[in-house]
Amino acid sequence: MIEIDDIIKTDVLDEYIADRHKQTLTIAANNEELKIIVTIPHDVFEWYVDVFDRNGRKVLSNWLDHYGETQTNLRAEMKESVEGFIVAVTKHPLRLIEGRKPEQSILQIYRNDRWTDKIY
């Protein structure tokens, strides 16, 4: 299990749920225009992002995996990327460029005076 810092759990997230299979983190972004759900399974080094619009429609679905290192390094790398993503989407404006399917949509962040899809 990747242990998410308590400061992020308490100050940034709208909801944090952990069970024996996964952690689920919920973030309201863009003045609650978007709901972002991050899912982190316990048994693999990957995590998932699903974004919903204000009507509850899934508008983006993506995932990131970590591989090729020791378990200690993978755990640290994954923790850094998940926390970096969470901090970025709660700190900066976001916009969604919708594709035909949720997995084709792009989430962008406004940082350093420009829009980019490099969120963390």
PDB file of N, CA and C in Angstrom:
ATOM      1  N   MET A   1       0.842  -1.182   0.000  1.00  0.00           N
ATOM      2  CA  MET A   1       0.000   0.000   0.000  1.00  0.00           C
ATOM      3  C   MET A   1       0.885   1.242   0.000  1.00  0.00           C
ATOM      4  N   ILE A   2       0.542   2.212  -0.826  1.00  0.00           N
ATOM      5  CA  ILE A   2       1.215   3.500  -0.852  1.00  0.00           C
ATOM      6  C   ILE A   2       0.585   4.350   0.246  1.00  0.00           C
ATOM      7  N   GLU A   3       1.373   4.855   1.152  1.00  0.00           N
ATOM      8  CA  GLU A   3       0.843   5.662   2.246  1.00  0.00           C
ATOM      9  C   GLU A   3       0.835   7.128   1.839  1.00  0.00           C
ATOM     10  N   ILE A   4      -0.343   7.667   1.644  1.00  0.00           N
ATOM     11  CA  ILE A   4      -0.515   9.069   1.251  1.00  0.00           C
ATOM     12  C   ILE A   4      -0.351   9.934   2.502  1.00  0.00           C
ATOM     13  N   ASP A   5       0.376  11.044   2.365  1.00  0.00           N
ATOM     14  CA  ASP A   5       0.625  11.923   3.505  1.00  0.00           C
ATOM     15  C   ASP A   5      -0.672  12.404   4.134  1.00  0.00           C
ATOM     16  N   ASP A   6      -0.674  12.472   5.464  1.00  0.00           N
ATOM     17  CA  ASP A   6      -1.865  12.893   6.201  1.00  0.00           C
ATOM     18  C   ASP A   6      -2.297  14.312   5.857  1.00  0.00           C
ATOM     19  N   ILE A   7      -1.346  15.198   5.572  1.00  0.00           N
ATOM     20  CA  ILE A   7      -1.708  16.578   5.236  1.00  0.00           C
ATOM     21  C   ILE A   7      -2.558  16.614   3.972  1.00  0.00           C
ATOM     22  N   ILE A   8      -2.249  15.762   3.024  1.00  0.00           N
ATOM     23  CA  ILE A   8      -3.052  15.708   1.800  1.00  0.00           C
ATOM     24  C   ILE A   8      -4.415  15.097   2.106  1.00  0.00           C
ATOM     25  N   LYS A   9      -4.438  14.060   2.924  1.00  0.00           N
ATOM     26  CA  LYS A   9      -5.708  13.424   3.262  1.00  0.00           C
ATOM     27  C   LYS A   9      -6.666  14.404   3.931  1.00  0.00           C
ATOM     28  N   THR A  10      -6.147  15.229   4.831  1.00  0.00           N
ATOM     29  CA  THR A  10      -7.031  16.078   5.633  1.00  0.00           C
ATOM     30  C   THR A  10      -7.295  17.444   5.033  1.00  0.00           C
ATOM     31  N   ASP A  11      -6.317  18.032   4.342  1.00  0.00           N
ATOM     32  CA  ASP A  11      -6.465  19.411   3.889  1.00  0.00           C
ATOM     33  C   ASP A  11      -6.885  19.559   2.437  1.00  0.00           C
ATOM     34  N   VAL A  12      -6.727  18.543   1.636  1.00  0.00           N
ATOM     35  CA  VAL A  12      -6.937  18.692   0.204  1.00  0.00           C
ATOM     36  C   VAL A  12      -8.082  17.827  -0.317  1.00  0.00           C
ATOM     37  N   LEU A  13      -8.217  16.655   0.210  1.00  0.00           N
ATOM     38  CA  LEU A  13      -9.193  15.707  -0.326  1.00  0.00           C
ATOM     39  C   LEU A  13     -10.588  15.944   0.227  1.00  0.00           C
ATOM     40  N   ASP A  14     -11.579  15.695  -0.611  1.00  0.00           N
ATOM     41  CA  ASP A  14     -12.960  15.732  -0.156  1.00  0.00           C
ATOM     42  C   ASP A  14     -13.340  14.425   0.529  1.00  0.00           C
ATOM     43  N   GLU A  15     -12.687  13.335   0.081  1.00  0.00           N
ATOM     44  CA  GLU A  15     -12.982  12.043   0.672  1.00  0.00           C
ATOM     45  C   GLU A  15     -11.780  11.129   0.490  1.00  0.00           C
ATOM     46  N   TYR A  16     -11.487  10.353   1.520  1.00  0.00           N
ATOM     47  CA  TYR A  16     -10.413   9.368   1.462  1.00  0.00           C
ATOM     48  C   TYR A  16     -10.961   8.070   2.047  1.00  0.00           C
ATOM     49  N   ILE A  17     -10.915   7.010   1.250  1.00  0.00           N
ATOM     50  CA  ILE A  17     -11.396   5.704   1.709  1.00  0.00           C
ATOM     51  C   ILE A  17     -10.308   4.674   1.428  1.00  0.00           C
ATOM     52  N   ALA A  18      -9.977   3.894   2.439  1.00  0.00           N
ATOM     53  CA  ALA A  18      -9.018   2.801   2.257  1.00  0.00           C
ATOM     54  C   ALA A  18      -9.673   1.517   2.737  1.00  0.00           C
ATOM     55  N   ASP A  19      -9.565   0.484   1.921  1.00  0.00           N
ATOM     56  CA  ASP A  19     -10.005  -0.837   2.352  1.00  0.00           C
ATOM     57  C   ASP A  19      -8.877  -1.816   2.058  1.00  0.00           C
ATOM     58  N   ARG A  20      -9.120  -3.078   2.158  1.00  0.00           N
ATOM     59  CA  ARG A  20      -8.030  -4.051   2.004  1.00  0.00           C
ATOM     60  C   ARG A  20      -7.571  -4.236   0.561  1.00  0.00           C
ATOM     61  N   HIS A  21      -8.310  -3.686  -0.399  1.00  0.00           N
ATOM     62  CA  HIS A  21      -7.968  -3.834  -1.814  1.00  0.00           C
ATOM     63  C   HIS A  21      -7.395  -2.575  -2.460  1.00  0.00           C
ATOM     64  N   LYS A  22      -7.847  -1.398  -1.978  1.00  0.00           N
ATOM     65  CA  LYS A  22      -7.467  -0.160  -2.663  1.00  0.00           C
ATOM     66  C   LYS A  22      -7.672   1.054  -1.761  1.00  0.00           C
ATOM     67  N   GLN A  23      -7.108   2.170  -2.225  1.00  0.00           N
ATOM     68  CA  GLN A  23      -7.380   3.478  -1.650  1.00  0.00           C
ATOM     69  C   GLN A  23      -8.121   4.282  -2.713  1.00  0.00           C
ATOM     70  N   THR A  24      -9.100   5.049  -2.282  1.00  0.00           N
ATOM     71  CA  THR A  24      -9.845   5.900  -3.200  1.00  0.00           C
ATOM     72  C   THR A  24      -9.835   7.314  -2.643  1.00  0.00           C
ATOM     73  N   LEU A  25      -9.407   8.255  -3.481  1.00  0.00           N
ATOM     74  CA  LEU A  25      -9.289   9.644  -3.084  1.00  0.00           C
ATOM     75  C   LEU A  25     -10.174  10.480  -3.993  1.00  0.00           C
ATOM     76  N   THR A  26     -10.996  11.345  -3.423  1.00  0.00           N
ATOM     77  CA  THR A  26     -11.913  12.164  -4.207  1.00  0.00           C
ATOM     78  C   THR A  26     -11.570  13.634  -4.022  1.00  0.00           C
ATOM     79  N   ILE A  27     -11.518  14.356  -5.145  1.00  0.00           N
ATOM     80  CA  ILE A  27     -11.153  15.767  -5.157  1.00  0.00           C
ATOM     81  C   ILE A  27     -12.215  16.523  -5.954  1.00  0.00           C
ATOM     82  N   ALA A  28     -12.731  17.613  -5.398  1.00  0.00           N
ATOM     83  CA  ALA A  28     -13.598  18.511  -6.166  1.00  0.00           C
ATOM     84  C   ALA A  28     -12.708  19.603  -6.723  1.00  0.00           C
ATOM     85  N   ALA A  29     -12.717  19.787  -8.039  1.00  0.00           N
ATOM     86  CA  ALA A  29     -11.829  20.752  -8.693  1.00  0.00           C
ATOM     87  C   ALA A  29     -12.635  21.764  -9.484  1.00  0.00           C
ATOM     88  N   ASN A  30     -11.979  22.875  -9.829  1.00  0.00           N
ATOM     89  CA  ASN A  30     -12.613  23.944 -10.620  1.00  0.00           C
ATOM     90  C   ASN A  30     -13.952  24.366 -10.014  1.00  0.00           C
ATOM     91  N   ASN A  31     -13.924  24.718  -8.744  1.00  0.00           N
ATOM     92  CA  ASN A  31     -15.151  25.128  -8.051  1.00  0.00           C
ATOM     93  C   ASN A  31     -16.253  24.080  -8.184  1.00  0.00           C
ATOM     94  N   GLU A  32     -15.851  22.849  -8.040  1.00  0.00           N
ATOM     95  CA  GLU A  32     -16.737  21.695  -8.077  1.00  0.00           C
ATOM     96  C   GLU A  32     -17.360  21.431  -9.442  1.00  0.00           C
ATOM     97  N   GLU A  33     -16.769  21.980 -10.496  1.00  0.00           N
ATOM     98  CA  GLU A  33     -17.186  21.654 -11.860  1.00  0.00           C
ATOM     99  C   GLU A  33     -16.762  20.232 -12.212  1.00  0.00           C
ATOM    100  N   LEU A  34     -15.644  19.799 -11.669  1.00  0.00           N
ATOM    101  CA  LEU A  34     -15.112  18.466 -11.932  1.00  0.00           C
ATOM    102  C   LEU A  34     -14.920  17.718 -10.623  1.00  0.00           C
ATOM    103  N   LYS A  35     -15.204  16.431 -10.668  1.00  0.00           N
ATOM    104  CA  LYS A  35     -14.894  15.547  -9.535  1.00  0.00           C
ATOM    105  C   LYS A  35     -13.846  14.567 -10.036  1.00  0.00           C
ATOM    106  N   ILE A  36     -12.722  14.534  -9.343  1.00  0.00           N
ATOM    107  CA  ILE A  36     -11.605  13.668  -9.723  1.00  0.00           C
ATOM    108  C   ILE A  36     -11.498  12.561  -8.695  1.00  0.00           C
ATOM    109  N   ILE A  37     -11.492  11.326  -9.187  1.00  0.00           N
ATOM    110  CA  ILE A  37     -11.341  10.167  -8.302  1.00  0.00           C
ATOM    111  C   ILE A  37     -10.056   9.452  -8.676  1.00  0.00           C
ATOM    112  N   VAL A  38      -9.172   9.336  -7.695  1.00  0.00           N
ATOM    113  CA  VAL A  38      -7.907   8.622  -7.857  1.00  0.00           C
ATOM    114  C   VAL A  38      -8.050   7.297  -7.120  1.00  0.00           C
ATOM    115  N   THR A  39      -7.775   6.198  -7.820  1.00  0.00           N
ATOM    116  CA  THR A  39      -7.857   4.867  -7.226  1.00  0.00           C
ATOM    117  C   THR A  39      -6.471   4.239  -7.251  1.00  0.00           C
ATOM    118  N   ILE A  40      -6.044   3.747  -6.093  1.00  0.00           N
ATOM    119  CA  ILE A  40      -4.724   3.133  -5.958  1.00  0.00           C
ATOM    120  C   ILE A  40      -4.901   1.715  -5.425  1.00  0.00           C
ATOM    121  N   PRO A  41      -4.786   0.712  -6.302  1.00  0.00           N
ATOM    122  CA  PRO A  41      -4.869  -0.673  -5.826  1.00  0.00           C
ATOM    123  C   PRO A  41      -3.667  -0.992  -4.930  1.00  0.00           C
ATOM    124  N   HIS A  42      -3.861  -1.895  -3.978  1.00  0.00           N
ATOM    125  CA  HIS A  42      -2.777  -2.254  -3.060  1.00  0.00           C
ATOM    126  C   HIS A  42      -1.772  -3.227  -3.659  1.00  0.00           C
ATOM    127  N   ASP A  43      -2.180  -4.046  -4.597  1.00  0.00           N
ATOM    128  CA  ASP A  43      -1.328  -5.167  -5.007  1.00  0.00           C
ATOM    129  C   ASP A  43      -0.523  -4.940  -6.282  1.00  0.00           C
ATOM    130  N   VAL A  44      -0.627  -3.743  -6.893  1.00  0.00           N
ATOM    131  CA  VAL A  44       0.140  -3.435  -8.106  1.00  0.00           C
ATOM    132  C   VAL A  44       0.637  -1.994  -8.024  1.00  0.00           C
ATOM    133  N   PHE A  45       1.683  -1.691  -8.779  1.00  0.00           N
ATOM    134  CA  PHE A  45       2.234  -0.348  -8.805  1.00  0.00           C
ATOM    135  C   PHE A  45       1.638   0.444  -9.964  1.00  0.00           C
ATOM    136  N   GLU A  46       0.340   0.731  -9.845  1.00  0.00           N
ATOM    137  CA  GLU A  46      -0.363   1.541 -10.818  1.00  0.00           C
ATOM    138  C   GLU A  46      -1.484   2.280 -10.115  1.00  0.00           C
ATOM    139  N   TRP A  47      -1.931   3.343 -10.740  1.00  0.00           N
ATOM    140  CA  TRP A  47      -3.039   4.110 -10.185  1.00  0.00           C
ATOM    141  C   TRP A  47      -3.876   4.674 -11.312  1.00  0.00           C
ATOM    142  N   TYR A  48      -5.123   4.977 -10.990  1.00  0.00           N
ATOM    143  CA  TYR A  48      -6.126   5.336 -11.983  1.00  0.00           C
ATOM    144  C   TYR A  48      -6.744   6.692 -11.648  1.00  0.00           C
ATOM    145  N   VAL A  49      -7.086   7.429 -12.689  1.00  0.00           N
ATOM    146  CA  VAL A  49      -7.764   8.708 -12.533  1.00  0.00           C
ATOM    147  C   VAL A  49      -9.035   8.673 -13.368  1.00  0.00           C
ATOM    148  N   ASP A  50     -10.144   8.986 -12.721  1.00  0.00           N
ATOM    149  CA  ASP A  50     -11.417   9.151 -13.417  1.00  0.00           C
ATOM    150  C   ASP A  50     -11.931  10.551 -13.093  1.00  0.00           C
ATOM    151  N   VAL A  51     -12.391  11.268 -14.103  1.00  0.00           N
ATOM    152  CA  VAL A  51     -12.909  12.617 -13.924  1.00  0.00           C
ATOM    153  C   VAL A  51     -14.367  12.622 -14.356  1.00  0.00           C
ATOM    154  N   PHE A  52     -15.194  13.235 -13.507  1.00  0.00           N
ATOM    155  CA  PHE A  52     -16.627  13.321 -13.765  1.00  0.00           C
ATOM    156  C   PHE A  52     -17.025  14.792 -13.845  1.00  0.00           C
ATOM    157  N   ASP A  53     -17.992  15.101 -14.714  1.00  0.00           N
ATOM    158  CA  ASP A  53     -18.484  16.473 -14.784  1.00  0.00           C
ATOM    159  C   ASP A  53     -19.527  16.693 -13.693  1.00  0.00           C
ATOM    160  N   ARG A  54     -20.060  17.889 -13.635  1.00  0.00           N
ATOM    161  CA  ARG A  54     -21.004  18.224 -12.563  1.00  0.00           C
ATOM    162  C   ARG A  54     -22.289  17.409 -12.625  1.00  0.00           C
ATOM    163  N   ASN A  55     -22.568  16.758 -13.772  1.00  0.00           N
ATOM    164  CA  ASN A  55     -23.748  15.904 -13.910  1.00  0.00           C
ATOM    165  C   ASN A  55     -23.454  14.443 -13.576  1.00  0.00           C
ATOM    166  N   GLY A  56     -22.219  14.160 -13.160  1.00  0.00           N
ATOM    167  CA  GLY A  56     -21.858  12.793 -12.811  1.00  0.00           C
ATOM    168  C   GLY A  56     -21.435  11.933 -13.990  1.00  0.00           C
ATOM    169  N   ARG A  57     -21.273  12.544 -15.161  1.00  0.00           N
ATOM    170  CA  ARG A  57     -20.870  11.816 -16.362  1.00  0.00           C
ATOM    171  C   ARG A  57     -19.347  11.674 -16.376  1.00  0.00           C
ATOM    172  N   LYS A  58     -18.855  10.449 -16.584  1.00  0.00           N
ATOM    173  CA  LYS A  58     -17.415  10.235 -16.666  1.00  0.00           C
ATOM    174  C   LYS A  58     -16.906  10.849 -17.958  1.00  0.00           C
ATOM    175  N   VAL A  59     -15.975  11.820 -17.832  1.00  0.00           N
ATOM    176  CA  VAL A  59     -15.474  12.538 -18.995  1.00  0.00           C
ATOM    177  C   VAL A  59     -14.000  12.260 -19.270  1.00  0.00           C
ATOM    178  N   LEU A  60     -13.322  11.603 -18.340  1.00  0.00           N
ATOM    179  CA  LEU A  60     -11.923  11.245 -18.546  1.00  0.00           C
ATOM    180  C   LEU A  60     -11.604  10.010 -17.729  1.00  0.00           C
ATOM    181  N   SER A  61     -10.801   9.136 -18.301  1.00  0.00           N
ATOM    182  CA  SER A  61     -10.328   7.949 -17.610  1.00  0.00           C
ATOM    183  C   SER A  61      -8.901   7.693 -18.073  1.00  0.00           C
ATOM    184  N   ASN A  62      -7.980   7.545 -17.108  1.00  0.00           N
ATOM    185  CA  ASN A  62      -6.586   7.323 -17.454  1.00  0.00           C
ATOM    186  C   ASN A  62      -5.918   6.543 -16.329  1.00  0.00           C
ATOM    187  N   TRP A  63      -4.708   6.055 -16.583  1.00  0.00           N
ATOM    188  CA  TRP A  63      -3.978   5.314 -15.560  1.00  0.00           C
ATOM    189  C   TRP A  63      -2.484   5.488 -15.791  1.00  0.00           C
ATOM    190  N   LEU A  64      -1.722   5.211 -14.758  1.00  0.00           N
ATOM    191  CA  LEU A  64      -0.267   5.287 -14.814  1.00  0.00           C
ATOM    192  C   LEU A  64       0.291   4.102 -14.049  1.00  0.00           C
ATOM    193  N   ASP A  65       1.266   3.427 -14.655  1.00  0.00           N
ATOM    194  CA  ASP A  65       1.893   2.324 -13.936  1.00  0.00           C
ATOM    195  C   ASP A  65       3.366   2.637 -13.715  1.00  0.00           C
ATOM    196  N   HIS A  66       3.930   1.968 -12.725  1.00  0.00           N
ATOM    197  CA  HIS A  66       5.340   2.123 -12.370  1.00  0.00           C
ATOM    198  C   HIS A  66       5.966   0.731 -12.417  1.00  0.00           C
ATOM    199  N   TYR A  67       7.116   0.631 -13.060  1.00  0.00           N
ATOM    200  CA  TYR A  67       7.751  -0.678 -13.205  1.00  0.00           C
ATOM    201  C   TYR A  67       9.250  -0.503 -13.409  1.00  0.00           C
ATOM    202  N   GLY A  68       9.990  -1.616 -13.270  1.00  0.00           N
ATOM    203  CA  GLY A  68      11.406  -1.643 -13.595  1.00  0.00           C
ATOM    204  C   GLY A  68      12.361  -1.303 -12.474  1.00  0.00           C
ATOM    205  N   GLU A  69      11.881  -1.119 -11.280  1.00  0.00           N
ATOM    206  CA  GLU A  69      12.728  -0.764 -10.140  1.00  0.00           C
ATOM    207  C   GLU A  69      12.473  -1.735  -8.991  1.00  0.00           C
ATOM    208  N   THR A  70      13.195  -1.512  -7.904  1.00  0.00           N
ATOM    209  CA  THR A  70      12.927  -2.294  -6.701  1.00  0.00           C
ATOM    210  C   THR A  70      11.577  -1.858  -6.133  1.00  0.00           C
ATOM    211  N   GLN A  71      10.986  -2.691  -5.304  1.00  0.00           N
ATOM    212  CA  GLN A  71       9.695  -2.343  -4.714  1.00  0.00           C
ATOM    213  C   GLN A  71       9.788  -1.063  -3.884  1.00  0.00           C
ATOM    214  N   THR A  72      10.893  -0.882  -3.187  1.00  0.00           N
ATOM    215  CA  THR A  72      11.076   0.333  -2.391  1.00  0.00           C
ATOM    216  C   THR A  72      11.080   1.558  -3.294  1.00  0.00           C
ATOM    217  N   ASN A  73      11.830   1.501  -4.394  1.00  0.00           N
ATOM    218  CA  ASN A  73      11.881   2.626  -5.319  1.00  0.00           C
ATOM    219  C   ASN A  73      10.534   2.850  -6.004  1.00  0.00           C
ATOM    220  N   LEU A  74       9.864   1.778  -6.397  1.00  0.00           N
ATOM    221  CA  LEU A  74       8.557   1.907  -7.037  1.00  0.00           C
ATOM    222  C   LEU A  74       7.552   2.557  -6.091  1.00  0.00           C
ATOM    223  N   ARG A  75       7.550   2.136  -4.851  1.00  0.00           N
ATOM    224  CA  ARG A  75       6.643   2.690  -3.848  1.00  0.00           C
ATOM    225  C   ARG A  75       6.891   4.196  -3.692  1.00  0.00           C
ATOM    226  N   ALA A  76       8.163   4.590  -3.586  1.00  0.00           N
ATOM    227  CA  ALA A  76       8.506   6.009  -3.420  1.00  0.00           C
ATOM    228  C   ALA A  76       8.142   6.818  -4.666  1.00  0.00           C
ATOM    229  N   GLU A  77       8.422   6.268  -5.842  1.00  0.00           N
ATOM    230  CA  GLU A  77       8.107   6.941  -7.105  1.00  0.00           C
ATOM    231  C   GLU A  77       6.603   7.134  -7.255  1.00  0.00           C
ATOM    232  N   MET A  78       5.853   6.100  -6.932  1.00  0.00           N
ATOM    233  CA  MET A  78       4.411   6.167  -7.069  1.00  0.00           C
ATOM    234  C   MET A  78       3.810   7.158  -6.065  1.00  0.00           C
ATOM    235  N   LYS A  79       4.288   7.138  -4.845  1.00  0.00           N
ATOM    236  CA  LYS A  79       3.817   8.078  -3.826  1.00  0.00           C
ATOM    237  C   LYS A  79       4.061   9.513  -4.294  1.00  0.00           C
ATOM    238  N   GLU A  80       5.237   9.775  -4.829  1.00  0.00           N
ATOM    239  CA  GLU A  80       5.573  11.113  -5.312  1.00  0.00           C
ATOM    240  C   GLU A  80       4.659  11.535  -6.466  1.00  0.00           C
ATOM    241  N   SER A  81       4.387  10.627  -7.396  1.00  0.00           N
ATOM    242  CA  SER A  81       3.556  10.991  -8.537  1.00  0.00           C
ATOM    243  C   SER A  81       2.093  11.193  -8.129  1.00  0.00           C
ATOM    244  N   VAL A  82       1.564  10.348  -7.256  1.00  0.00           N
ATOM    245  CA  VAL A  82       0.176  10.506  -6.806  1.00  0.00           C
ATOM    246  C   VAL A  82       0.021  11.812  -6.037  1.00  0.00           C
ATOM    247  N   GLU A  83       0.907  12.057  -5.093  1.00  0.00           N
ATOM    248  CA  GLU A  83       0.812  13.280  -4.298  1.00  0.00           C
ATOM    249  C   GLU A  83       1.042  14.520  -5.164  1.00  0.00           C
ATOM    250  N   GLY A  84       1.971  14.439  -6.118  1.00  0.00           N
ATOM    251  CA  GLY A  84       2.199  15.564  -7.019  1.00  0.00           C
ATOM    252  C   GLY A  84       0.968  15.882  -7.846  1.00  0.00           C
ATOM    253  N   PHE A  85       0.301  14.844  -8.332  1.00  0.00           N
ATOM    254  CA  PHE A  85      -0.930  15.023  -9.090  1.00  0.00           C
ATOM    255  C   PHE A  85      -1.995  15.689  -8.225  1.00  0.00           C
ATOM    256  N   ILE A  86      -2.200  15.176  -7.027  1.00  0.00           N
ATOM    257  CA  ILE A  86      -3.238  15.704  -6.133  1.00  0.00           C
ATOM    258  C   ILE A  86      -2.985  17.173  -5.805  1.00  0.00           C
ATOM    259  N   VAL A  87      -1.763  17.499  -5.446  1.00  0.00           N
ATOM    260  CA  VAL A  87      -1.430  18.894  -5.119  1.00  0.00           C
ATOM    261  C   VAL A  87      -1.645  19.790  -6.336  1.00  0.00           C
ATOM    262  N   ALA A  88      -1.216  19.339  -7.508  1.00  0.00           N
ATOM    263  CA  ALA A  88      -1.351  20.152  -8.722  1.00  0.00           C
ATOM    264  C   ALA A  88      -2.810  20.438  -9.063  1.00  0.00           C
ATOM    265  N   VAL A  89      -3.665  19.431  -9.027  1.00  0.00           N
ATOM    266  CA  VAL A  89      -5.059  19.644  -9.438  1.00  0.00           C
ATOM    267  C   VAL A  89      -5.862  20.409  -8.397  1.00  0.00           C
ATOM    268  N   THR A  90      -5.367  20.507  -7.181  1.00  0.00           N
ATOM    269  CA  THR A  90      -6.070  21.302  -6.175  1.00  0.00           C
ATOM    270  C   THR A  90      -5.530  22.728  -6.097  1.00  0.00           C
ATOM    271  N   LYS A  91      -4.355  22.963  -6.643  1.00  0.00           N
ATOM    272  CA  LYS A  91      -3.698  24.264  -6.528  1.00  0.00           C
ATOM    273  C   LYS A  91      -3.880  25.146  -7.766  1.00  0.00           C
ATOM    274  N   HIS A  92      -4.070  24.551  -8.941  1.00  0.00           N
ATOM    275  CA  HIS A  92      -4.088  25.298 -10.200  1.00  0.00           C
ATOM    276  C   HIS A  92      -5.409  25.108 -10.941  1.00  0.00           C
ATOM    277  N   PRO A  93      -5.764  26.066 -11.808  1.00  0.00           N
ATOM    278  CA  PRO A  93      -6.954  25.901 -12.646  1.00  0.00           C
ATOM    279  C   PRO A  93      -6.792  24.713 -13.601  1.00  0.00           C
ATOM    280  N   LEU A  94      -7.906  24.065 -13.885  1.00  0.00           N
ATOM    281  CA  LEU A  94      -7.922  22.915 -14.790  1.00  0.00           C
ATOM    282  C   LEU A  94      -8.901  23.184 -15.928  1.00  0.00           C
ATOM    283  N   ARG A  95      -8.664  22.511 -17.035  1.00  0.00           N
ATOM    284  CA  ARG A  95      -9.658  22.482 -18.099  1.00  0.00           C
ATOM    285  C   ARG A  95      -9.640  21.087 -18.707  1.00  0.00           C
ATOM    286  N   LEU A  96     -10.770  20.733 -19.257  1.00  0.00           N
ATOM    287  CA  LEU A  96     -10.928  19.419 -19.850  1.00  0.00           C
ATOM    288  C   LEU A  96     -11.160  19.578 -21.342  1.00  0.00           C
ATOM    289  N   ILE A  97     -10.394  18.854 -22.125  1.00  0.00           N
ATOM    290  CA  ILE A  97     -10.618  18.780 -23.567  1.00  0.00           C
ATOM    291  C   ILE A  97     -11.205  17.394 -23.807  1.00  0.00           C
ATOM    292  N   GLU A  98     -12.491  17.370 -24.102  1.00  0.00           N
ATOM    293  CA  GLU A  98     -13.192  16.090 -24.209  1.00  0.00           C
ATOM    294  C   GLU A  98     -12.919  15.388 -25.526  1.00  0.00           C
ATOM    295  N   GLY A  99     -12.679  14.080 -25.432  1.00  0.00           N
ATOM    296  CA  GLY A  99     -12.575  13.221 -26.589  1.00  0.00           C
ATOM    297  C   GLY A  99     -13.895  12.499 -26.797  1.00  0.00           C
ATOM    298  N   ARG A 100     -13.936  11.657 -27.799  1.00  0.00           N
ATOM    299  CA  ARG A 100     -15.166  10.893 -28.043  1.00  0.00           C
ATOM    300  C   ARG A 100     -15.453   9.891 -26.937  1.00  0.00           C
ATOM    301  N   LYS A 101     -14.392   9.386 -26.318  1.00  0.00           N
ATOM    302  CA  LYS A 101     -14.507   8.448 -25.200  1.00  0.00           C
ATOM    303  C   LYS A 101     -13.729   9.035 -24.035  1.00  0.00           C
ATOM    304  N   PRO A 102     -14.084   8.677 -22.792  1.00  0.00           N
ATOM    305  CA  PRO A 102     -13.357   9.213 -21.634  1.00  0.00           C
ATOM    306  C   PRO A 102     -11.848   8.969 -21.682  1.00  0.00           C
ATOM    307  N   GLU A 103     -11.423   7.849 -22.253  1.00  0.00           N
ATOM    308  CA  GLU A 103      -9.987   7.565 -22.306  1.00  0.00           C
ATOM    309  C   GLU A 103      -9.269   8.396 -23.372  1.00  0.00           C
ATOM    310  N   GLN A 104     -10.031   9.143 -24.172  1.00  0.00           N
ATOM    311  CA  GLN A 104      -9.440  10.015 -25.187  1.00  0.00           C
ATOM    312  C   GLN A 104      -9.431  11.484 -24.764  1.00  0.00           C
ATOM    313  N   SER A 105     -10.037  11.800 -23.636  1.00  0.00           N
ATOM    314  CA  SER A 105     -10.069  13.176 -23.142  1.00  0.00           C
ATOM    315  C   SER A 105      -8.729  13.542 -22.528  1.00  0.00           C
ATOM    316  N   ILE A 106      -8.490  14.849 -22.436  1.00  0.00           N
ATOM    317  CA  ILE A 106      -7.233  15.349 -21.892  1.00  0.00           C
ATOM    318  C   ILE A 106      -7.548  16.363 -20.796  1.00  0.00           C
ATOM    319  N   LEU A 107      -6.927  16.182 -19.650  1.00  0.00           N
ATOM    320  CA  LEU A 107      -7.026  17.139 -18.552  1.00  0.00           C
ATOM    321  C   LEU A 107      -5.798  18.030 -18.619  1.00  0.00           C
ATOM    322  N   GLN A 108      -6.030  19.338 -18.612  1.00  0.00           N
ATOM    323  CA  GLN A 108      -4.912  20.277 -18.663  1.00  0.00           C
ATOM    324  C   GLN A 108      -4.921  21.158 -17.419  1.00  0.00           C
ATOM    325  N   ILE A 109      -3.732  21.635 -17.074  1.00  0.00           N
ATOM    326  CA  ILE A 109      -3.539  22.485 -15.909  1.00  0.00           C
ATOM    327  C   ILE A 109      -2.912  23.791 -16.367  1.00  0.00           C
ATOM    328  N   TYR A 110      -3.315  24.892 -15.736  1.00  0.00           N
ATOM    329  CA  TYR A 110      -2.741  26.196 -16.063  1.00  0.00           C
ATOM    330  C   TYR A 110      -1.671  26.514 -15.019  1.00  0.00           C
ATOM    331  N   ARG A 111      -0.438  26.536 -15.508  1.00  0.00           N
ATOM    332  CA  ARG A 111       0.697  26.765 -14.616  1.00  0.00           C
ATOM    333  C   ARG A 111       1.787  27.464 -15.419  1.00  0.00           C
ATOM    334  N   ASN A 112       2.481  28.390 -14.785  1.00  0.00           N
ATOM    335  CA  ASN A 112       3.557  29.141 -15.454  1.00  0.00           C
ATOM    336  C   ASN A 112       3.060  29.842 -16.716  1.00  0.00           C
ATOM    337  N   ASP A 113       1.873  30.423 -16.618  1.00  0.00           N
ATOM    338  CA  ASP A 113       1.270  31.222 -17.694  1.00  0.00           C
ATOM    339  C   ASP A 113       0.958  30.440 -18.969  1.00  0.00           C
ATOM    340  N   ARG A 114       0.694  29.136 -18.834  1.00  0.00           N
ATOM    341  CA  ARG A 114       0.309  28.364 -20.025  1.00  0.00           C
ATOM    342  C   ARG A 114      -0.446  27.108 -19.602  1.00  0.00           C
ATOM    343  N   TRP A 115      -1.235  26.575 -20.541  1.00  0.00           N
ATOM    344  CA  TRP A 115      -1.957  25.321 -20.339  1.00  0.00           C
ATOM    345  C   TRP A 115      -1.066  24.165 -20.771  1.00  0.00           C
ATOM    346  N   THR A 116      -1.053  23.112 -19.972  1.00  0.00           N
ATOM    347  CA  THR A 116      -0.267  21.923 -20.298  1.00  0.00           C
ATOM    348  C   THR A 116      -0.975  20.679 -19.765  1.00  0.00           C
ATOM    349  N   ASP A 117      -0.710  19.556 -20.423  1.00  0.00           N
ATOM    350  CA  ASP A 117      -1.259  18.293 -19.912  1.00  0.00           C
ATOM    351  C   ASP A 117      -0.241  17.570 -19.037  1.00  0.00           C
ATOM    352  N   LYS A 118       0.899  18.181 -18.775  1.00  0.00           N
ATOM    353  CA  LYS A 118       1.901  17.644 -17.838  1.00  0.00           C
ATOM    354  C   LYS A 118       1.515  18.122 -16.447  1.00  0.00           C
ATOM    355  N   ILE A 119       0.692  17.347 -15.788  1.00  0.00           N
ATOM    356  CA  ILE A 119       0.107  17.802 -14.535  1.00  0.00           C
ATOM    357  C   ILE A 119       1.058  17.689 -13.355  1.00  0.00           C
ATOM    358  N   TYR A 120       1.861  16.656 -13.306  1.00  0.00           N
ATOM    359  CA  TYR A 120       2.787  16.505 -12.166  1.00  0.00           C
ATOM    360  C   TYR A 120       4.170  16.214 -12.662  1.00  0.00           C
TER     361      TYR A 120
END
